[in-house]
PDB file of N, CA and C in Angstrom:
ATOM      1  N   MET A   1      32.371  11.669 -39.575  1.00  0.00           N
ATOM      2  CA  MET A   1      31.505  10.636 -39.069  1.00  0.00           C
ATOM      3  C   MET A   1      30.056  11.055 -39.295  1.00  0.00           C
ATOM      4  N   ASN A   2      29.336  10.336 -40.074  1.00  0.00           N
ATOM      5  CA  ASN A   2      27.933  10.614 -40.356  1.00  0.00           C
ATOM      6  C   ASN A   2      27.055   9.744 -39.473  1.00  0.00           C
ATOM      7  N   ARG A   3      26.250  10.399 -38.668  1.00  0.00           N
ATOM      8  CA  ARG A   3      25.314   9.671 -37.821  1.00  0.00           C
ATOM      9  C   ARG A   3      23.925   9.776 -38.432  1.00  0.00           C
ATOM     10  N   SER A   4      23.154   8.750 -38.201  1.00  0.00           N
ATOM     11  CA  SER A   4      21.788   8.788 -38.693  1.00  0.00           C
ATOM     12  C   SER A   4      20.975   9.739 -37.820  1.00  0.00           C
ATOM     13  N   PRO A   5      19.921  10.314 -38.371  1.00  0.00           N
ATOM     14  CA  PRO A   5      19.093  11.234 -37.572  1.00  0.00           C
ATOM     15  C   PRO A   5      18.483  10.556 -36.342  1.00  0.00           C
ATOM     16  N   LEU A   6      18.206   9.258 -36.453  1.00  0.00           N
ATOM     17  CA  LEU A   6      17.630   8.527 -35.321  1.00  0.00           C
ATOM     18  C   LEU A   6      18.626   8.440 -34.171  1.00  0.00           C
ATOM     19  N   THR A   7      19.871   8.158 -34.478  1.00  0.00           N
ATOM     20  CA  THR A   7      20.913   8.071 -33.447  1.00  0.00           C
ATOM     21  C   THR A   7      21.131   9.433 -32.799  1.00  0.00           C
ATOM     22  N   THR A   8      21.115  10.487 -33.600  1.00  0.00           N
ATOM     23  CA  THR A   8      21.294  11.837 -33.067  1.00  0.00           C
ATOM     24  C   THR A   8      20.134  12.196 -32.138  1.00  0.00           C
ATOM     25  N   MET A   9      18.904  11.855 -32.523  1.00  0.00           N
ATOM     26  CA  MET A   9      17.743  12.143 -31.680  1.00  0.00           C
ATOM     27  C   MET A   9      17.800  11.360 -30.368  1.00  0.00           C
ATOM     28  N   ARG A  10      18.215  10.109 -30.430  1.00  0.00           N
ATOM     29  CA  ARG A  10      18.339   9.310 -29.205  1.00  0.00           C
ATOM     30  C   ARG A  10      19.353   9.925 -28.262  1.00  0.00           C
ATOM     31  N   THR A  11      20.483  10.324 -28.813  1.00  0.00           N
ATOM     32  CA  THR A  11      21.540  10.929 -27.998  1.00  0.00           C
ATOM     33  C   THR A  11      21.048  12.222 -27.363  1.00  0.00           C
ATOM     34  N   MET A  12      20.361  13.048 -28.144  1.00  0.00           N
ATOM     35  CA  MET A  12      19.859  14.317 -27.612  1.00  0.00           C
ATOM     36  C   MET A  12      18.794  14.074 -26.537  1.00  0.00           C
ATOM     37  N   THR A  13      17.955  13.068 -26.743  1.00  0.00           N
ATOM     38  CA  THR A  13      16.920  12.735 -25.762  1.00  0.00           C
ATOM     39  C   THR A  13      17.550  12.275 -24.459  1.00  0.00           C
ATOM     40  N   ILE A  14      18.552  11.419 -24.545  1.00  0.00           N
ATOM     41  CA  ILE A  14      19.244  10.933 -23.342  1.00  0.00           C
ATOM     42  C   ILE A  14      19.919  12.092 -22.618  1.00  0.00           C
ATOM     43  N   LEU A  15      20.561  12.987 -23.351  1.00  0.00           N
ATOM     44  CA  LEU A  15      21.206  14.143 -22.725  1.00  0.00           C
ATOM     45  C   LEU A  15      20.180  15.055 -22.057  1.00  0.00           C
ATOM     46  N   ALA A  16      19.035  15.265 -22.692  1.00  0.00           N
ATOM     47  CA  ALA A  16      18.003  16.121 -22.116  1.00  0.00           C
ATOM     48  C   ALA A  16      17.429  15.497 -20.847  1.00  0.00           C
ATOM     49  N   MET A  17      17.201  14.195 -20.872  1.00  0.00           N
ATOM     50  CA  MET A  17      16.674  13.515 -19.686  1.00  0.00           C
ATOM     51  C   MET A  17      17.680  13.554 -18.542  1.00  0.00           C
ATOM     52  N   THR A  18      18.944  13.361 -18.849  1.00  0.00           N
ATOM     53  CA  THR A  18      19.990  13.402 -17.827  1.00  0.00           C
ATOM     54  C   THR A  18      20.080  14.796 -17.219  1.00  0.00           C
ATOM     55  N   ALA A  19      20.014  15.826 -18.053  1.00  0.00           N
ATOM     56  CA  ALA A  19      20.073  17.201 -17.552  1.00  0.00           C
ATOM     57  C   ALA A  19      18.873  17.507 -16.670  1.00  0.00           C
ATOM     58  N   THR A  20      17.708  17.014 -17.045  1.00  0.00           N
ATOM     59  CA  THR A  20      16.501  17.234 -16.248  1.00  0.00           C
ATOM     60  C   THR A  20      16.623  16.556 -14.891  1.00  0.00           C
ATOM     61  N   MET A  21      17.100  15.307 -14.875  1.00  0.00           N
ATOM     62  CA  MET A  21      17.255  14.588 -13.600  1.00  0.00           C
ATOM     63  C   MET A  21      18.284  15.264 -12.708  1.00  0.00           C
ATOM     64  N   LEU A  22      19.392  15.731 -13.287  1.00  0.00           N
ATOM     65  CA  LEU A  22      20.404  16.403 -12.482  1.00  0.00           C
ATOM     66  C   LEU A  22      19.902  17.743 -11.957  1.00  0.00           C
ATOM     67  N   GLY A  23      19.063  18.407 -12.730  1.00  0.00           N
ATOM     68  CA  GLY A  23      18.519  19.691 -12.309  1.00  0.00           C
ATOM     69  C   GLY A  23      17.520  19.571 -11.180  1.00  0.00           C
ATOM     70  N   THR A  24      16.826  18.460 -11.095  1.00  0.00           N
ATOM     71  CA  THR A  24      15.822  18.295 -10.038  1.00  0.00           C
ATOM     72  C   THR A  24      16.330  17.463  -8.868  1.00  0.00           C
ATOM     73  N   ALA A  25      17.541  16.988  -8.911  1.00  0.00           N
ATOM     74  CA  ALA A  25      18.066  16.107  -7.871  1.00  0.00           C
ATOM     75  C   ALA A  25      18.137  16.805  -6.515  1.00  0.00           C
ATOM     76  N   GLY A  26      18.370  18.096  -6.471  1.00  0.00           N
ATOM     77  CA  GLY A  26      18.497  18.814  -5.211  1.00  0.00           C
ATOM     78  C   GLY A  26      17.171  19.213  -4.606  1.00  0.00           C
ATOM     79  N   CYS A  27      16.068  18.944  -5.249  1.00  0.00           N
ATOM     80  CA  CYS A  27      14.754  19.394  -4.783  1.00  0.00           C
ATOM     81  C   CYS A  27      14.034  18.367  -3.921  1.00  0.00           C
ATOM     82  N   ILE A  28      14.623  17.238  -3.663  1.00  0.00           N
ATOM     83  CA  ILE A  28      13.952  16.178  -2.916  1.00  0.00           C
ATOM     84  C   ILE A  28      14.233  16.356  -1.433  1.00  0.00           C
ATOM     85  N   ASN A  29      13.160  16.437  -0.639  1.00  0.00           N
ATOM     86  CA  ASN A  29      13.279  16.560   0.815  1.00  0.00           C
ATOM     87  C   ASN A  29      12.577  15.383   1.466  1.00  0.00           C
ATOM     88  N   VAL A  30      13.236  14.788   2.450  1.00  0.00           N
ATOM     89  CA  VAL A  30      12.632  13.701   3.210  1.00  0.00           C
ATOM     90  C   VAL A  30      12.496  14.172   4.647  1.00  0.00           C
ATOM     91  N   THR A  31      11.243  14.214   5.130  1.00  0.00           N
ATOM     92  CA  THR A  31      11.009  14.660   6.502  1.00  0.00           C
ATOM     93  C   THR A  31      10.152  13.625   7.230  1.00  0.00           C
ATOM     94  N   ALA A  32      10.333  13.546   8.510  1.00  0.00           N
ATOM     95  CA  ALA A  32       9.545  12.625   9.339  1.00  0.00           C
ATOM     96  C   ALA A  32       8.157  13.216   9.553  1.00  0.00           C
ATOM     97  N   PRO A  33       7.131  12.389   9.655  1.00  0.00           N
ATOM     98  CA  PRO A  33       5.779  12.909   9.894  1.00  0.00           C
ATOM     99  C   PRO A  33       5.659  13.501  11.299  1.00  0.00           C
ATOM    100  N   ASP A  34       4.725  14.457  11.456  1.00  0.00           N
ATOM    101  CA  ASP A  34       4.512  15.091  12.756  1.00  0.00           C
ATOM    102  C   ASP A  34       3.868  14.134  13.751  1.00  0.00           C
ATOM    103  N   LYS A  35       2.933  13.308  13.265  1.00  0.00           N
ATOM    104  CA  LYS A  35       2.222  12.377  14.132  1.00  0.00           C
ATOM    105  C   LYS A  35       2.774  10.972  13.917  1.00  0.00           C
ATOM    106  N   PRO A  36       2.770  10.135  14.946  1.00  0.00           N
ATOM    107  CA  PRO A  36       3.233   8.750  14.764  1.00  0.00           C
ATOM    108  C   PRO A  36       2.267   7.953  13.893  1.00  0.00           C
ATOM    109  N   ILE A  37       2.770   6.944  13.243  1.00  0.00           N
ATOM    110  CA  ILE A  37       1.950   6.075  12.404  1.00  0.00           C
ATOM    111  C   ILE A  37       1.167   5.133  13.305  1.00  0.00           C
ATOM    112  N   GLN A  38      -0.136   5.032  13.080  1.00  0.00           N
ATOM    113  CA  GLN A  38      -0.985   4.156  13.881  1.00  0.00           C
ATOM    114  C   GLN A  38      -1.492   3.026  13.013  1.00  0.00           C
ATOM    115  N   ILE A  39      -1.445   1.822  13.556  1.00  0.00           N
ATOM    116  CA  ILE A  39      -1.937   0.643  12.844  1.00  0.00           C
ATOM    117  C   ILE A  39      -3.110   0.088  13.645  1.00  0.00           C
ATOM    118  N   ASN A  40      -4.247  -0.053  12.987  1.00  0.00           N
ATOM    119  CA  ASN A  40      -5.459  -0.543  13.643  1.00  0.00           C
ATOM    120  C   ASN A  40      -5.432  -2.071  13.650  1.00  0.00           C
ATOM    121  N   LEU A  41      -5.430  -2.674  14.842  1.00  0.00           N
ATOM    122  CA  LEU A  41      -5.348  -4.126  14.976  1.00  0.00           C
ATOM    123  C   LEU A  41      -6.637  -4.731  15.520  1.00  0.00           C
ATOM    124  N   ASN A  42      -7.772  -4.154  15.192  1.00  0.00           N
ATOM    125  CA  ASN A  42      -9.049  -4.652  15.690  1.00  0.00           C
ATOM    126  C   ASN A  42      -9.535  -5.900  14.963  1.00  0.00           C
ATOM    127  N   ILE A  43      -8.834  -6.354  13.961  1.00  0.00           N
ATOM    128  CA  ILE A  43      -9.281  -7.498  13.161  1.00  0.00           C
ATOM    129  C   ILE A  43      -9.358  -8.759  14.013  1.00  0.00           C
ATOM    130  N   ASN A  44      -8.337  -9.055  14.785  1.00  0.00           N
ATOM    131  CA  ASN A  44      -8.336 -10.263  15.604  1.00  0.00           C
ATOM    132  C   ASN A  44      -9.414 -10.217  16.674  1.00  0.00           C
ATOM    133  N   VAL A  45      -9.650  -9.068  17.250  1.00  0.00           N
ATOM    134  CA  VAL A  45     -10.671  -8.925  18.278  1.00  0.00           C
ATOM    135  C   VAL A  45     -12.042  -9.212  17.681  1.00  0.00           C
ATOM    136  N   THR A  46     -12.308  -8.693  16.490  1.00  0.00           N
ATOM    137  CA  THR A  46     -13.599  -8.908  15.832  1.00  0.00           C
ATOM    138  C   THR A  46     -13.800 -10.381  15.517  1.00  0.00           C
ATOM    139  N   GLN A  47     -12.768 -11.056  15.044  1.00  0.00           N
ATOM    140  CA  GLN A  47     -12.885 -12.474  14.723  1.00  0.00           C
ATOM    141  C   GLN A  47     -13.156 -13.293  15.977  1.00  0.00           C
ATOM    142  N   GLU A  48     -12.536 -12.948  17.073  1.00  0.00           N
ATOM    143  CA  GLU A  48     -12.738 -13.683  18.312  1.00  0.00           C
ATOM    144  C   GLU A  48     -14.166 -13.497  18.811  1.00  0.00           C
ATOM    145  N   VAL A  49     -14.703 -12.303  18.723  1.00  0.00           N
ATOM    146  CA  VAL A  49     -16.069 -12.038  19.179  1.00  0.00           C
ATOM    147  C   VAL A  49     -17.057 -12.813  18.328  1.00  0.00           C
ATOM    148  N   VAL A  50     -16.877 -12.829  17.020  1.00  0.00           N
ATOM    149  CA  VAL A  50     -17.767 -13.567  16.135  1.00  0.00           C
ATOM    150  C   VAL A  50     -17.693 -15.054  16.448  1.00  0.00           C
ATOM    151  N   TYR A  51     -16.527 -15.581  16.705  1.00  0.00           N
ATOM    152  CA  TYR A  51     -16.355 -17.002  17.025  1.00  0.00           C
ATOM    153  C   TYR A  51     -17.072 -17.348  18.331  1.00  0.00           C
ATOM    154  N   ARG A  52     -16.933 -16.484  19.318  1.00  0.00           N
ATOM    155  CA  ARG A  52     -17.595 -16.740  20.602  1.00  0.00           C
ATOM    156  C   ARG A  52     -19.112 -16.694  20.445  1.00  0.00           C
ATOM    157  N   LEU A  53     -19.613 -15.747  19.688  1.00  0.00           N
ATOM    158  CA  LEU A  53     -21.055 -15.674  19.457  1.00  0.00           C
ATOM    159  C   LEU A  53     -21.550 -16.903  18.724  1.00  0.00           C
ATOM    160  N   ASP A  54     -20.742 -17.390  17.787  1.00  0.00           N
ATOM    161  CA  ASP A  54     -21.120 -18.587  17.038  1.00  0.00           C
ATOM    162  C   ASP A  54     -21.223 -19.784  17.974  1.00  0.00           C
ATOM    163  N   ASN A  55     -20.274 -19.945  18.876  1.00  0.00           N
ATOM    164  CA  ASN A  55     -20.329 -21.059  19.835  1.00  0.00           C
ATOM    165  C   ASN A  55     -21.511 -20.916  20.785  1.00  0.00           C
ATOM    166  N   GLU A  56     -21.793 -19.700  21.228  1.00  0.00           N
ATOM    167  CA  GLU A  56     -22.930 -19.489  22.119  1.00  0.00           C
ATOM    168  C   GLU A  56     -24.238 -19.823  21.408  1.00  0.00           C
ATOM    169  N   ALA A  57     -24.355 -19.430  20.156  1.00  0.00           N
ATOM    170  CA  ALA A  57     -25.567 -19.740  19.392  1.00  0.00           C
ATOM    171  C   ALA A  57     -25.698 -21.243  19.195  1.00  0.00           C
ATOM    172  N   LYS A  58     -24.595 -21.918  18.920  1.00  0.00           N
ATOM    173  CA  LYS A  58     -24.621 -23.374  18.739  1.00  0.00           C
ATOM    174  C   LYS A  58     -25.085 -24.061  20.021  1.00  0.00           C
ATOM    175  N   THR A  59     -24.571 -23.624  21.155  1.00  0.00           N
ATOM    176  CA  THR A  59     -24.957 -24.201  22.441  1.00  0.00           C
ATOM    177  C   THR A  59     -26.435 -23.936  22.737  1.00  0.00           C
ATOM    178  N   LEU A  60     -26.881 -22.723  22.439  1.00  0.00           N
ATOM    179  CA  LEU A  60     -28.284 -22.377  22.666  1.00  0.00           C
ATOM    180  C   LEU A  60     -29.207 -23.221  21.808  1.00  0.00           C
ATOM    181  N   ILE A  61     -28.839 -23.469  20.559  1.00  0.00           N
ATOM    182  CA  ILE A  61     -29.670 -24.297  19.675  1.00  0.00           C
ATOM    183  C   ILE A  61     -29.693 -25.747  20.163  1.00  0.00           C
ATOM    184  N   GLN A  62     -28.548 -26.240  20.662  1.00  0.00           N
ATOM    185  CA  GLN A  62     -28.514 -27.619  21.163  1.00  0.00           C
ATOM    186  C   GLN A  62     -29.371 -27.750  22.433  1.00  0.00           C
ATOM    187  N   GLN A  63     -29.400 -26.725  23.261  1.00  0.00           N
ATOM    188  CA  GLN A  63     -30.208 -26.790  24.486  1.00  0.00           C
ATOM    189  C   GLN A  63     -31.701 -26.637  24.191  1.00  0.00           C
ATOM    190  N   ASN A  64     -32.037 -25.876  23.149  1.00  0.00           N
ATOM    191  CA  ASN A  64     -33.435 -25.625  22.781  1.00  0.00           C
ATOM    192  C   ASN A  64     -33.653 -26.000  21.318  1.00  0.00           C
ATOM    193  N   PRO A  65     -33.792 -27.286  21.014  1.00  0.00           N
ATOM    194  CA  PRO A  65     -33.898 -27.709  19.601  1.00  0.00           C
ATOM    195  C   PRO A  65     -35.149 -27.180  18.901  1.00  0.00           C
ATOM    196  N   GLY A  66     -36.181 -26.824  19.617  1.00  0.00           N
ATOM    197  CA  GLY A  66     -37.405 -26.343  18.993  1.00  0.00           C
ATOM    198  C   GLY A  66     -37.456 -24.819  18.866  1.00  0.00           C
ATOM    199  N   ILE A  67     -36.342 -24.154  19.031  1.00  0.00           N
ATOM    200  CA  ILE A  67     -36.331 -22.695  19.007  1.00  0.00           C
ATOM    201  C   ILE A  67     -36.639 -22.123  17.627  1.00  0.00           C
ATOM    202  N   PHE A  68     -36.354 -22.884  16.582  1.00  0.00           N
ATOM    203  CA  PHE A  68     -36.599 -22.385  15.215  1.00  0.00           C
ATOM    204  C   PHE A  68     -37.748 -23.122  14.598  1.00  0.00           C
TER     205      PHE A  68
END
């Protein structure tokens, strides 16, 4: 059976990649972090404060039309 050099190279490459993956398969460690994960939820608070300030400014301008 005569194989082309390209087919032989592909086969050797696949075998080398498979051997590399099998050789490193035992090196993977999964550990839990020491500190808990924290998610910062200040976005909604900031939006609410800006909205309230906007309404207060609108009311102030309506009460004092000559302020600007």
